[in-house]
């Protein structure tokens, strides 16, 4: 896809300084710009690259005045960063604006699909599936029986949506994610072996949920594993059976949440956090990266460490911890002095 400087200026309500007919077909960082690419400048510390960049078009703030000659066409806007973000969103909409049904694919006769859909090659859609309007199913996606998907959703290549899963409107399921696999339920037997406990529940995603690459959300043993409205899950996260996550909570990569834990709304959870099962984490909690949470957390707390404690307490404790070698040496010296005085 190619865009002229004039088209970009029209989208962003910007002013062109340079050639309005010059075209771009890709995006780049300003220091790596090449002919045919579009970039932006919002942070003054990158201004030096404006005079050397080979990018064909650069978006800048309206008050920017070049100090040297430039080769790039400028599009001046009120806020370069916000405008570039808007352009990225527009670019994604155009790029992902696919419709139609590629061959081969399989759609069960009992499945129903809304209008303006895209079904990629080798997609499988099972019995009694209900899919809304403007849904995009990319190649190699598996959608099991009795799944419901709302309007304006995207399921990227290779994702697996297992049976009975319910997905709301405006959701994004990224590549290789698995929703609705069996939870990790095994009961010990008298001989020390384990017997699988049937997982008969499902997974429910409310509206505007985003699920990252390779993230897994297990079906409930009974009832639902529920992901609330607006939740954003990063890549490679494990959400176990019967977990509930409140609205607009965000979780970074490689976090694991054990079964039946309830996480509140508007929480922020860092990367590589481990959360034990059957806990209650209340609203507006922040859990910093690599923490291990083994007990309930009250609302609006910030916790860190393993096991996680209040972040203020953690940093005070760490100040002492990092000084332990010096403190140990001081104690040994004091012991020598005491022993010496006792022997005198």
C-alpha atoms as a PDB file:
ATOM      1  CA  UNK A   1       0.000   0.000   0.000  1.00  0.00           C
ATOM      2  CA  UNK A   2       1.268   3.424  -0.954  1.00  0.00           C
ATOM      3  CA  UNK A   3       0.267   6.802   0.477  1.00  0.00           C
ATOM      4  CA  UNK A   4       1.193  10.274  -0.720  1.00  0.00           C
ATOM      5  CA  UNK A   5       2.216  13.095   1.573  1.00  0.00           C
ATOM      6  CA  UNK A   6      -1.044  14.820   0.643  1.00  0.00           C
ATOM      7  CA  UNK A   7      -3.123  11.794   1.689  1.00  0.00           C
ATOM      8  CA  UNK A   8      -1.257  11.601   5.004  1.00  0.00           C
ATOM      9  CA  UNK A   9      -1.706  15.334   5.615  1.00  0.00           C
ATOM     10  CA  UNK A  10      -5.428  14.998   4.899  1.00  0.00           C
ATOM     11  CA  UNK A  11      -5.762  12.154   7.409  1.00  0.00           C
ATOM     12  CA  UNK A  12      -3.821  14.060  10.087  1.00  0.00           C
ATOM     13  CA  UNK A  13      -5.069  17.561   9.222  1.00  0.00           C
ATOM     14  CA  UNK A  14      -1.447  18.580   8.744  1.00  0.00           C
ATOM     15  CA  UNK A  15       0.560  21.062   6.667  1.00  0.00           C
ATOM     16  CA  UNK A  16       3.028  19.850   4.016  1.00  0.00           C
ATOM     17  CA  UNK A  17       6.515  21.322   3.653  1.00  0.00           C
ATOM     18  CA  UNK A  18       7.973  19.700   0.548  1.00  0.00           C
ATOM     19  CA  UNK A  19       6.605  17.437  -2.164  1.00  0.00           C
ATOM     20  CA  UNK A  20       2.877  16.613  -1.671  1.00  0.00           C
ATOM     21  CA  UNK A  21       3.045  13.805  -4.261  1.00  0.00           C
ATOM     22  CA  UNK A  22       5.943  11.870  -2.761  1.00  0.00           C
ATOM     23  CA  UNK A  23       4.858   8.366  -1.710  1.00  0.00           C
ATOM     24  CA  UNK A  24       5.640   5.983   1.139  1.00  0.00           C
ATOM     25  CA  UNK A  25       4.836   2.299   1.562  1.00  0.00           C
ATOM     26  CA  UNK A  26       6.391   1.406   4.920  1.00  0.00           C
ATOM     27  CA  UNK A  27       7.228   2.798   8.358  1.00  0.00           C
ATOM     28  CA  UNK A  28      10.638   3.308   9.933  1.00  0.00           C
ATOM     29  CA  UNK A  29      12.491   4.783  12.883  1.00  0.00           C
ATOM     30  CA  UNK A  30      13.924   8.181  12.026  1.00  0.00           C
ATOM     31  CA  UNK A  31      17.546   7.001  12.341  1.00  0.00           C
ATOM     32  CA  UNK A  32      16.827   4.032  10.046  1.00  0.00           C
ATOM     33  CA  UNK A  33      14.682   5.821   7.459  1.00  0.00           C
ATOM     34  CA  UNK A  34      15.055   4.853   3.807  1.00  0.00           C
ATOM     35  CA  UNK A  35      13.520   6.061   0.564  1.00  0.00           C
ATOM     36  CA  UNK A  36       9.829   5.196   0.505  1.00  0.00           C
ATOM     37  CA  UNK A  37       9.464   5.113   4.300  1.00  0.00           C
ATOM     38  CA  UNK A  38       7.491   7.295   6.726  1.00  0.00           C
ATOM     39  CA  UNK A  39       8.821   8.324  10.130  1.00  0.00           C
ATOM     40  CA  UNK A  40       8.172  10.930  12.837  1.00  0.00           C
ATOM     41  CA  UNK A  41      10.040  13.255  15.196  1.00  0.00           C
ATOM     42  CA  UNK A  42       8.574  14.137  18.588  1.00  0.00           C
ATOM     43  CA  UNK A  43      11.508  13.785  21.003  1.00  0.00           C
ATOM     44  CA  UNK A  44      14.104  16.600  20.593  1.00  0.00           C
ATOM     45  CA  UNK A  45      17.002  14.239  21.358  1.00  0.00           C
ATOM     46  CA  UNK A  46      16.382  12.545  17.987  1.00  0.00           C
ATOM     47  CA  UNK A  47      16.383  15.846  16.076  1.00  0.00           C
ATOM     48  CA  UNK A  48      19.918  15.229  14.777  1.00  0.00           C
ATOM     49  CA  UNK A  49      18.645  12.303  12.712  1.00  0.00           C
ATOM     50  CA  UNK A  50      16.192  14.527  10.833  1.00  0.00           C
ATOM     51  CA  UNK A  51      19.099  16.010   8.880  1.00  0.00           C
ATOM     52  CA  UNK A  52      20.490  12.625   7.846  1.00  0.00           C
ATOM     53  CA  UNK A  53      17.382  10.490   7.501  1.00  0.00           C
ATOM     54  CA  UNK A  54      16.564   9.063   4.085  1.00  0.00           C
ATOM     55  CA  UNK A  55      12.857   8.723   4.967  1.00  0.00           C
ATOM     56  CA  UNK A  56      10.649  10.228   2.289  1.00  0.00           C
ATOM     57  CA  UNK A  57       8.156  11.786   4.736  1.00  0.00           C
ATOM     58  CA  UNK A  58       8.604  12.845   8.372  1.00  0.00           C
ATOM     59  CA  UNK A  59       5.808  13.916  10.715  1.00  0.00           C
ATOM     60  CA  UNK A  60       6.869  16.768  13.026  1.00  0.00           C
ATOM     61  CA  UNK A  61       5.263  19.139  15.500  1.00  0.00           C
ATOM     62  CA  UNK A  62       3.716  22.276  14.024  1.00  0.00           C
ATOM     63  CA  UNK A  63       6.199  24.578  15.800  1.00  0.00           C
ATOM     64  CA  UNK A  64       9.289  22.739  14.524  1.00  0.00           C
ATOM     65  CA  UNK A  65      11.699  24.827  12.412  1.00  0.00           C
ATOM     66  CA  UNK A  66      14.657  23.033  10.745  1.00  0.00           C
ATOM     67  CA  UNK A  67      18.095  24.431  11.548  1.00  0.00           C
ATOM     68  CA  UNK A  68      19.754  22.847   8.487  1.00  0.00           C
ATOM     69  CA  UNK A  69      18.804  21.587   5.055  1.00  0.00           C
ATOM     70  CA  UNK A  70      16.631  18.491   4.970  1.00  0.00           C
ATOM     71  CA  UNK A  71      15.857  15.965   2.242  1.00  0.00           C
ATOM     72  CA  UNK A  72      12.631  14.640   3.743  1.00  0.00           C
ATOM     73  CA  UNK A  73       9.148  16.068   3.136  1.00  0.00           C
ATOM     74  CA  UNK A  74       7.625  17.323   6.390  1.00  0.00           C
ATOM     75  CA  UNK A  75       4.031  16.960   7.509  1.00  0.00           C
ATOM     76  CA  UNK A  76       3.492  19.431  10.351  1.00  0.00           C
ATOM     77  CA  UNK A  77       0.822  18.534  12.924  1.00  0.00           C
ATOM     78  CA  UNK A  78      -0.280  19.634  16.393  1.00  0.00           C
ATOM     79  CA  UNK A  79       1.217  16.545  18.093  1.00  0.00           C
ATOM     80  CA  UNK A  80       3.633  14.376  16.101  1.00  0.00           C
ATOM     81  CA  UNK A  81       3.525  11.401  18.466  1.00  0.00           C
ATOM     82  CA  UNK A  82      -0.275  11.315  18.681  1.00  0.00           C
ATOM     83  CA  UNK A  83      -0.572  11.790  14.920  1.00  0.00           C
ATOM     84  CA  UNK A  84       1.849   8.962  14.176  1.00  0.00           C
ATOM     85  CA  UNK A  85      -0.149   6.724  16.522  1.00  0.00           C
ATOM     86  CA  UNK A  86      -3.329   7.700  14.665  1.00  0.00           C
ATOM     87  CA  UNK A  87      -1.628   6.857  11.391  1.00  0.00           C
ATOM     88  CA  UNK A  88      -0.521   3.470  12.730  1.00  0.00           C
ATOM     89  CA  UNK A  89      -4.120   2.712  13.674  1.00  0.00           C
ATOM     90  CA  UNK A  90      -5.292   3.757  10.199  1.00  0.00           C
ATOM     91  CA  UNK A  91      -2.552   1.662   8.568  1.00  0.00           C
ATOM     92  CA  UNK A  92      -3.550  -1.388  10.604  1.00  0.00           C
ATOM     93  CA  UNK A  93      -7.202  -0.928   9.674  1.00  0.00           C
ATOM     94  CA  UNK A  94      -6.338  -0.801   5.990  1.00  0.00           C
ATOM     95  CA  UNK A  95      -3.837  -3.668   6.198  1.00  0.00           C
ATOM     96  CA  UNK A  96      -6.229  -5.913   8.102  1.00  0.00           C
ATOM     97  CA  UNK A  97      -9.316  -4.949   6.118  1.00  0.00           C
ATOM     98  CA  UNK A  98      -9.713  -8.401   4.614  1.00  0.00           C
ATOM     99  CA  UNK A  99     -12.981  -9.921   3.506  1.00  0.00           C
ATOM    100  CA  UNK A 100     -14.066 -13.147   1.874  1.00  0.00           C
ATOM    101  CA  UNK A 101     -13.328 -16.822   2.332  1.00  0.00           C
ATOM    102  CA  UNK A 102     -10.079 -18.384   1.243  1.00  0.00           C
ATOM    103  CA  UNK A 103      -9.881 -21.993   0.152  1.00  0.00           C
ATOM    104  CA  UNK A 104      -9.651 -24.545   1.571  1.00  0.00           C
ATOM    105  CA  UNK A 105     -11.510 -24.074   4.867  1.00  0.00           C
ATOM    106  CA  UNK A 106     -14.152 -25.981   6.833  1.00  0.00           C
ATOM    107  CA  UNK A 107     -17.349 -24.482   8.236  1.00  0.00           C
ATOM    108  CA  UNK A 108     -19.913 -26.808   9.805  1.00  0.00           C
ATOM    109  CA  UNK A 109     -23.410 -26.560   8.336  1.00  0.00           C
ATOM    110  CA  UNK A 110     -24.842 -25.647  11.740  1.00  0.00           C
ATOM    111  CA  UNK A 111     -22.447 -22.685  12.161  1.00  0.00           C
ATOM    112  CA  UNK A 112     -23.685 -19.153  11.503  1.00  0.00           C
ATOM    113  CA  UNK A 113     -21.458 -16.271  10.445  1.00  0.00           C
ATOM    114  CA  UNK A 114     -22.354 -12.585  10.119  1.00  0.00           C
ATOM    115  CA  UNK A 115     -21.545 -10.209   7.290  1.00  0.00           C
ATOM    116  CA  UNK A 116     -18.220  -8.806   6.013  1.00  0.00           C
ATOM    117  CA  UNK A 117     -16.313 -11.751   7.444  1.00  0.00           C
ATOM    118  CA  UNK A 118     -12.826 -12.956   6.550  1.00  0.00           C
ATOM    119  CA  UNK A 119     -12.105 -16.692   6.790  1.00  0.00           C
ATOM    120  CA  UNK A 120      -8.468 -17.586   6.094  1.00  0.00           C
ATOM    121  CA  UNK A 121      -7.206 -20.750   4.460  1.00  0.00           C
ATOM    122  CA  UNK A 122      -7.289 -23.967   6.534  1.00  0.00           C
ATOM    123  CA  UNK A 123      -9.521 -22.425   9.202  1.00  0.00           C
ATOM    124  CA  UNK A 124     -11.847 -24.889  10.966  1.00  0.00           C
ATOM    125  CA  UNK A 125     -15.199 -23.746  12.378  1.00  0.00           C
ATOM    126  CA  UNK A 126     -17.157 -26.380  14.282  1.00  0.00           C
ATOM    127  CA  UNK A 127     -20.774 -27.241  14.968  1.00  0.00           C
ATOM    128  CA  UNK A 128     -23.206 -24.620  16.310  1.00  0.00           C
ATOM    129  CA  UNK A 129     -20.590 -21.852  16.252  1.00  0.00           C
ATOM    130  CA  UNK A 130     -22.036 -18.325  16.272  1.00  0.00           C
ATOM    131  CA  UNK A 131     -19.827 -15.605  14.768  1.00  0.00           C
ATOM    132  CA  UNK A 132     -20.851 -11.932  14.512  1.00  0.00           C
ATOM    133  CA  UNK A 133     -20.260  -9.269  11.886  1.00  0.00           C
ATOM    134  CA  UNK A 134     -16.901  -8.056  10.586  1.00  0.00           C
ATOM    135  CA  UNK A 135     -15.011 -10.887  12.259  1.00  0.00           C
ATOM    136  CA  UNK A 136     -11.640 -11.905  10.848  1.00  0.00           C
ATOM    137  CA  UNK A 137     -10.494 -15.510  11.227  1.00  0.00           C
ATOM    138  CA  UNK A 138      -6.922 -15.880   9.981  1.00  0.00           C
ATOM    139  CA  UNK A 139      -5.415 -19.058   8.473  1.00  0.00           C
ATOM    140  CA  UNK A 140      -5.031 -22.237  10.520  1.00  0.00           C
ATOM    141  CA  UNK A 141      -7.404 -21.111  13.272  1.00  0.00           C
ATOM    142  CA  UNK A 142      -9.387 -23.832  15.065  1.00  0.00           C
ATOM    143  CA  UNK A 143     -12.795 -22.892  16.490  1.00  0.00           C
ATOM    144  CA  UNK A 144     -14.472 -25.744  18.374  1.00  0.00           C
ATOM    145  CA  UNK A 145     -18.140 -26.601  18.742  1.00  0.00           C
ATOM    146  CA  UNK A 146     -20.598 -24.208  20.407  1.00  0.00           C
ATOM    147  CA  UNK A 147     -18.219 -21.244  20.430  1.00  0.00           C
ATOM    148  CA  UNK A 148     -19.705 -17.736  20.329  1.00  0.00           C
ATOM    149  CA  UNK A 149     -17.735 -14.779  18.937  1.00  0.00           C
ATOM    150  CA  UNK A 150     -19.188 -11.247  18.895  1.00  0.00           C
ATOM    151  CA  UNK A 151     -18.827  -8.442  16.356  1.00  0.00           C
ATOM    152  CA  UNK A 152     -15.561  -6.853  15.166  1.00  0.00           C
ATOM    153  CA  UNK A 153     -13.249  -9.535  16.576  1.00  0.00           C
ATOM    154  CA  UNK A 154      -9.961 -10.764  15.117  1.00  0.00           C
ATOM    155  CA  UNK A 155      -8.503 -14.234  15.669  1.00  0.00           C
ATOM    156  CA  UNK A 156      -4.962 -14.393  14.303  1.00  0.00           C
ATOM    157  CA  UNK A 157      -3.219 -17.310  12.630  1.00  0.00           C
ATOM    158  CA  UNK A 158      -2.896 -20.575  14.487  1.00  0.00           C
ATOM    159  CA  UNK A 159      -5.031 -19.653  17.495  1.00  0.00           C
ATOM    160  CA  UNK A 160      -7.214 -22.331  19.094  1.00  0.00           C
ATOM    161  CA  UNK A 161     -10.648 -21.498  20.486  1.00  0.00           C
ATOM    162  CA  UNK A 162     -11.943 -24.647  22.155  1.00  0.00           C
ATOM    163  CA  UNK A 163     -15.568 -25.649  22.584  1.00  0.00           C
ATOM    164  CA  UNK A 164     -18.072 -23.590  24.589  1.00  0.00           C
ATOM    165  CA  UNK A 165     -15.829 -20.498  24.704  1.00  0.00           C
ATOM    166  CA  UNK A 166     -17.700 -17.173  24.641  1.00  0.00           C
ATOM    167  CA  UNK A 167     -15.962 -14.107  23.198  1.00  0.00           C
ATOM    168  CA  UNK A 168     -17.530 -10.633  23.325  1.00  0.00           C
ATOM    169  CA  UNK A 169     -17.299  -7.741  20.866  1.00  0.00           C
ATOM    170  CA  UNK A 170     -14.124  -5.992  19.687  1.00  0.00           C
ATOM    171  CA  UNK A 171     -11.771  -8.684  20.998  1.00  0.00           C
ATOM    172  CA  UNK A 172      -8.356  -9.621  19.605  1.00  0.00           C
ATOM    173  CA  UNK A 173      -6.893 -13.127  20.003  1.00  0.00           C
ATOM    174  CA  UNK A 174      -3.307 -13.253  18.817  1.00  0.00           C
ATOM    175  CA  UNK A 175      -1.417 -16.052  17.099  1.00  0.00           C
ATOM    176  CA  UNK A 176      -0.916 -19.430  18.794  1.00  0.00           C
ATOM    177  CA  UNK A 177      -3.096 -18.538  21.789  1.00  0.00           C
ATOM    178  CA  UNK A 178      -5.251 -21.307  23.254  1.00  0.00           C
ATOM    179  CA  UNK A 179      -8.587 -20.519  24.887  1.00  0.00           C
ATOM    180  CA  UNK A 180     -10.622 -23.176  26.631  1.00  0.00           C
ATOM    181  CA  UNK A 181      -8.128 -26.019  27.003  1.00  0.00           C
ATOM    182  CA  UNK A 182      -8.688 -28.271  30.026  1.00  0.00           C
ATOM    183  CA  UNK A 183      -7.593 -26.855  33.353  1.00  0.00           C
ATOM    184  CA  UNK A 184      -4.844 -28.612  35.317  1.00  0.00           C
ATOM    185  CA  UNK A 185      -7.149 -30.758  37.429  1.00  0.00           C
ATOM    186  CA  UNK A 186      -5.901 -34.089  38.790  1.00  0.00           C
ATOM    187  CA  UNK A 187      -7.016 -35.857  41.972  1.00  0.00           C
ATOM    188  CA  UNK A 188      -4.562 -38.069  43.924  1.00  0.00           C
ATOM    189  CA  UNK A 189      -5.526 -41.733  44.321  1.00  0.00           C
ATOM    190  CA  UNK A 190      -4.680 -44.257  47.040  1.00  0.00           C
ATOM    191  CA  UNK A 191      -1.740 -45.703  45.097  1.00  0.00           C
ATOM    192  CA  UNK A 192      -0.142 -42.254  44.686  1.00  0.00           C
ATOM    193  CA  UNK A 193      -1.095 -41.787  41.053  1.00  0.00           C
ATOM    194  CA  UNK A 194      -3.386 -39.046  39.769  1.00  0.00           C
ATOM    195  CA  UNK A 195      -6.772 -39.227  38.086  1.00  0.00           C
ATOM    196  CA  UNK A 196      -7.927 -36.489  35.737  1.00  0.00           C
ATOM    197  CA  UNK A 197     -10.864 -34.393  36.959  1.00  0.00           C
ATOM    198  CA  UNK A 198     -13.229 -33.575  34.053  1.00  0.00           C
ATOM    199  CA  UNK A 199     -13.216 -29.869  33.165  1.00  0.00           C
ATOM    200  CA  UNK A 200     -16.815 -29.130  32.204  1.00  0.00           C
ATOM    201  CA  UNK A 201     -16.873 -25.307  32.309  1.00  0.00           C
ATOM    202  CA  UNK A 202     -15.816 -22.747  29.735  1.00  0.00           C
ATOM    203  CA  UNK A 203     -13.929 -19.506  29.114  1.00  0.00           C
ATOM    204  CA  UNK A 204     -15.711 -16.149  28.825  1.00  0.00           C
ATOM    205  CA  UNK A 205     -14.073 -13.031  27.388  1.00  0.00           C
ATOM    206  CA  UNK A 206     -16.060  -9.825  27.777  1.00  0.00           C
ATOM    207  CA  UNK A 207     -15.878  -6.916  25.293  1.00  0.00           C
ATOM    208  CA  UNK A 208     -12.603  -5.241  24.222  1.00  0.00           C
ATOM    209  CA  UNK A 209     -10.297  -7.963  25.553  1.00  0.00           C
ATOM    210  CA  UNK A 210      -6.863  -8.411  23.975  1.00  0.00           C
ATOM    211  CA  UNK A 211      -5.018 -11.741  24.281  1.00  0.00           C
ATOM    212  CA  UNK A 212      -1.335 -11.846  23.324  1.00  0.00           C
ATOM    213  CA  UNK A 213       0.694 -14.393  21.384  1.00  0.00           C
ATOM    214  CA  UNK A 214       0.928 -17.842  22.938  1.00  0.00           C
ATOM    215  CA  UNK A 215      -1.239 -16.990  25.942  1.00  0.00           C
ATOM    216  CA  UNK A 216      -3.349 -19.805  27.392  1.00  0.00           C
ATOM    217  CA  UNK A 217      -6.631 -19.438  29.256  1.00  0.00           C
ATOM    218  CA  UNK A 218      -7.969 -22.710  30.682  1.00  0.00           C
ATOM    219  CA  UNK A 219     -11.636 -23.658  30.864  1.00  0.00           C
ATOM    220  CA  UNK A 220     -13.205 -23.865  34.304  1.00  0.00           C
ATOM    221  CA  UNK A 221     -13.764 -27.128  36.131  1.00  0.00           C
ATOM    222  CA  UNK A 222     -17.347 -25.904  36.554  1.00  0.00           C
ATOM    223  CA  UNK A 223     -18.728 -22.477  35.685  1.00  0.00           C
ATOM    224  CA  UNK A 224     -16.476 -20.043  33.813  1.00  0.00           C
ATOM    225  CA  UNK A 225     -12.948 -18.722  33.702  1.00  0.00           C
ATOM    226  CA  UNK A 226     -13.853 -15.071  33.148  1.00  0.00           C
ATOM    227  CA  UNK A 227     -11.785 -12.244  31.644  1.00  0.00           C
ATOM    228  CA  UNK A 228     -13.448  -8.872  32.227  1.00  0.00           C
ATOM    229  CA  UNK A 229     -14.125  -6.007  29.865  1.00  0.00           C
ATOM    230  CA  UNK A 230     -11.059  -4.229  28.512  1.00  0.00           C
ATOM    231  CA  UNK A 231      -8.502  -6.628  30.002  1.00  0.00           C
ATOM    232  CA  UNK A 232      -5.169  -6.678  28.152  1.00  0.00           C
ATOM    233  CA  UNK A 233      -3.054  -9.833  28.347  1.00  0.00           C
ATOM    234  CA  UNK A 234       0.495  -9.827  27.013  1.00  0.00           C
ATOM    235  CA  UNK A 235       2.289 -12.765  25.359  1.00  0.00           C
ATOM    236  CA  UNK A 236       2.897 -16.147  27.002  1.00  0.00           C
ATOM    237  CA  UNK A 237       0.627 -15.749  30.007  1.00  0.00           C
ATOM    238  CA  UNK A 238      -1.030 -18.706  31.761  1.00  0.00           C
ATOM    239  CA  UNK A 239      -4.503 -18.166  33.226  1.00  0.00           C
ATOM    240  CA  UNK A 240      -5.670 -21.283  35.067  1.00  0.00           C
ATOM    241  CA  UNK A 241      -9.145 -22.727  35.522  1.00  0.00           C
ATOM    242  CA  UNK A 242     -11.834 -20.693  37.291  1.00  0.00           C
ATOM    243  CA  UNK A 243      -9.707 -17.552  37.463  1.00  0.00           C
ATOM    244  CA  UNK A 244     -11.610 -14.261  37.288  1.00  0.00           C
ATOM    245  CA  UNK A 245      -9.958 -11.019  36.134  1.00  0.00           C
ATOM    246  CA  UNK A 246     -11.747  -7.694  36.615  1.00  0.00           C
ATOM    247  CA  UNK A 247     -12.230  -5.046  33.965  1.00  0.00           C
ATOM    248  CA  UNK A 248      -9.331  -3.039  32.511  1.00  0.00           C
ATOM    249  CA  UNK A 249      -6.632  -5.005  34.302  1.00  0.00           C
ATOM    250  CA  UNK A 250      -3.349  -5.357  32.386  1.00  0.00           C
ATOM    251  CA  UNK A 251      -0.907  -8.259  32.753  1.00  0.00           C
ATOM    252  CA  UNK A 252       2.598  -8.398  31.271  1.00  0.00           C
ATOM    253  CA  UNK A 253       4.331 -11.380  29.680  1.00  0.00           C
ATOM    254  CA  UNK A 254       5.179 -14.713  31.323  1.00  0.00           C
ATOM    255  CA  UNK A 255       2.881 -14.226  34.283  1.00  0.00           C
ATOM    256  CA  UNK A 256       1.077 -17.260  35.683  1.00  0.00           C
ATOM    257  CA  UNK A 257      -2.170 -17.152  37.663  1.00  0.00           C
ATOM    258  CA  UNK A 258      -3.141 -20.361  39.481  1.00  0.00           C
ATOM    259  CA  UNK A 259      -6.655 -21.745  39.708  1.00  0.00           C
ATOM    260  CA  UNK A 260      -9.659 -19.997  41.271  1.00  0.00           C
ATOM    261  CA  UNK A 261      -7.831 -16.759  42.031  1.00  0.00           C
ATOM    262  CA  UNK A 262      -9.887 -13.576  41.680  1.00  0.00           C
ATOM    263  CA  UNK A 263      -8.105 -10.466  40.409  1.00  0.00           C
ATOM    264  CA  UNK A 264      -9.912  -7.145  40.663  1.00  0.00           C
ATOM    265  CA  UNK A 265     -10.435  -4.289  38.232  1.00  0.00           C
ATOM    266  CA  UNK A 266      -7.818  -1.762  37.085  1.00  0.00           C
ATOM    267  CA  UNK A 267      -4.900  -3.840  38.366  1.00  0.00           C
ATOM    268  CA  UNK A 268      -1.401  -3.687  36.848  1.00  0.00           C
ATOM    269  CA  UNK A 269       0.641  -6.889  36.954  1.00  0.00           C
ATOM    270  CA  UNK A 270       4.250  -6.939  35.761  1.00  0.00           C
ATOM    271  CA  UNK A 271       6.112  -9.607  33.827  1.00  0.00           C
ATOM    272  CA  UNK A 272       7.045 -13.015  35.242  1.00  0.00           C
ATOM    273  CA  UNK A 273       4.734 -12.658  38.229  1.00  0.00           C
ATOM    274  CA  UNK A 274       3.526 -15.859  39.884  1.00  0.00           C
ATOM    275  CA  UNK A 275       0.168 -15.778  41.687  1.00  0.00           C
ATOM    276  CA  UNK A 276      -0.951 -18.689  43.861  1.00  0.00           C
ATOM    277  CA  UNK A 277      -4.394 -20.229  43.664  1.00  0.00           C
ATOM    278  CA  UNK A 278      -7.591 -19.349  45.566  1.00  0.00           C
ATOM    279  CA  UNK A 279      -6.438 -15.797  46.348  1.00  0.00           C
ATOM    280  CA  UNK A 280      -8.312 -12.494  46.190  1.00  0.00           C
ATOM    281  CA  UNK A 281      -6.450  -9.532  44.707  1.00  0.00           C
ATOM    282  CA  UNK A 282      -8.619  -6.457  45.060  1.00  0.00           C
ATOM    283  CA  UNK A 283      -9.069  -3.475  42.708  1.00  0.00           C
ATOM    284  CA  UNK A 284      -6.289  -1.062  41.689  1.00  0.00           C
ATOM    285  CA  UNK A 285      -3.464  -3.306  42.889  1.00  0.00           C
ATOM    286  CA  UNK A 286       0.007  -3.084  41.313  1.00  0.00           C
ATOM    287  CA  UNK A 287       2.235  -6.163  41.386  1.00  0.00           C
ATOM    288  CA  UNK A 288       5.760  -5.460  40.246  1.00  0.00           C
ATOM    289  CA  UNK A 289       7.720  -7.786  37.952  1.00  0.00           C
ATOM    290  CA  UNK A 290       9.059 -11.174  39.112  1.00  0.00           C
ATOM    291  CA  UNK A 291       6.978 -11.057  42.288  1.00  0.00           C
ATOM    292  CA  UNK A 292       5.484 -14.150  43.885  1.00  0.00           C
ATOM    293  CA  UNK A 293       2.048 -13.553  45.436  1.00  0.00           C
ATOM    294  CA  UNK A 294       1.021 -16.143  48.025  1.00  0.00           C
ATOM    295  CA  UNK A 295      -1.619 -14.279  50.035  1.00  0.00           C
ATOM    296  CA  UNK A 296      -4.544 -11.940  49.447  1.00  0.00           C
ATOM    297  CA  UNK A 297      -3.770  -8.330  48.473  1.00  0.00           C
ATOM    298  CA  UNK A 298      -5.946  -5.414  49.570  1.00  0.00           C
ATOM    299  CA  UNK A 299      -7.090  -2.676  47.190  1.00  0.00           C
ATOM    300  CA  UNK A 300      -4.639  -0.017  45.955  1.00  0.00           C
ATOM    301  CA  UNK A 301      -1.550  -1.753  47.337  1.00  0.00           C
ATOM    302  CA  UNK A 302       1.764  -1.923  45.470  1.00  0.00           C
ATOM    303  CA  UNK A 303       3.610  -5.158  46.174  1.00  0.00           C
ATOM    304  CA  UNK A 304       6.965  -6.598  45.169  1.00  0.00           C
ATOM    305  CA  UNK A 305       9.268  -9.503  45.965  1.00  0.00           C
ATOM    306  CA  UNK A 306       8.979 -13.219  46.546  1.00  0.00           C
ATOM    307  CA  UNK A 307       6.968 -13.672  48.626  1.00  0.00           C
ATOM    308  CA  UNK A 308       5.448 -10.318  47.714  1.00  0.00           C
ATOM    309  CA  UNK A 309       5.267  -7.606  50.371  1.00  0.00           C
ATOM    310  CA  UNK A 310       4.528  -3.874  50.275  1.00  0.00           C
ATOM    311  CA  UNK A 311       6.935  -2.220  47.849  1.00  0.00           C
ATOM    312  CA  UNK A 312       8.103   0.357  50.437  1.00  0.00           C
ATOM    313  CA  UNK A 313       8.925  -2.427  52.889  1.00  0.00           C
ATOM    314  CA  UNK A 314      10.621  -4.415  50.131  1.00  0.00           C
ATOM    315  CA  UNK A 315      12.975  -1.592  49.159  1.00  0.00           C
ATOM    316  CA  UNK A 316      13.818  -0.836  52.800  1.00  0.00           C
ATOM    317  CA  UNK A 317      14.545  -4.530  53.353  1.00  0.00           C
ATOM    318  CA  UNK A 318      16.620  -4.699  50.200  1.00  0.00           C
ATOM    319  CA  UNK A 319      18.762  -1.802  51.425  1.00  0.00           C
ATOM    320  CA  UNK A 320      19.728  -3.996  54.386  1.00  0.00           C
ATOM    321  CA  UNK A 321      19.998  -7.184  52.337  1.00  0.00           C
ATOM    322  CA  UNK A 322      22.566  -5.789  49.914  1.00  0.00           C
ATOM    323  CA  UNK A 323      24.664  -4.662  52.899  1.00  0.00           C
ATOM    324  CA  UNK A 324      24.689  -8.102  54.551  1.00  0.00           C
ATOM    325  CA  UNK A 325      28.297  -8.971  53.518  1.00  0.00           C
ATOM    326  CA  UNK A 326      29.579  -5.735  55.067  1.00  0.00           C
ATOM    327  CA  UNK A 327      27.426  -6.259  58.158  1.00  0.00           C
ATOM    328  CA  UNK A 328      28.652  -9.868  58.483  1.00  0.00           C
ATOM    329  CA  UNK A 329      32.276  -8.701  58.261  1.00  0.00           C
ATOM    330  CA  UNK A 330      31.581  -6.080  60.938  1.00  0.00           C
ATOM    331  CA  UNK A 331      30.034  -8.733  63.238  1.00  0.00           C
ATOM    332  CA  UNK A 332      33.058 -11.018  62.765  1.00  0.00           C
ATOM    333  CA  UNK A 333      35.403  -8.159  63.607  1.00  0.00           C
ATOM    334  CA  UNK A 334      33.380  -7.310  66.711  1.00  0.00           C
ATOM    335  CA  UNK A 335      33.488 -10.980  67.779  1.00  0.00           C
ATOM    336  CA  UNK A 336      37.277 -10.941  67.466  1.00  0.00           C
ATOM    337  CA  UNK A 337      37.489  -7.741  69.525  1.00  0.00           C
ATOM    338  CA  UNK A 338      35.213  -9.185  72.237  1.00  0.00           C
ATOM    339  CA  UNK A 339      37.212 -12.439  72.331  1.00  0.00           C
ATOM    340  CA  UNK A 340      40.468 -10.466  72.550  1.00  0.00           C
ATOM    341  CA  UNK A 341      39.215  -8.376  75.508  1.00  0.00           C
ATOM    342  CA  UNK A 342      37.971 -11.492  77.299  1.00  0.00           C
ATOM    343  CA  UNK A 343      41.418 -13.067  77.054  1.00  0.00           C
ATOM    344  CA  UNK A 344      43.217 -10.001  78.415  1.00  0.00           C
END
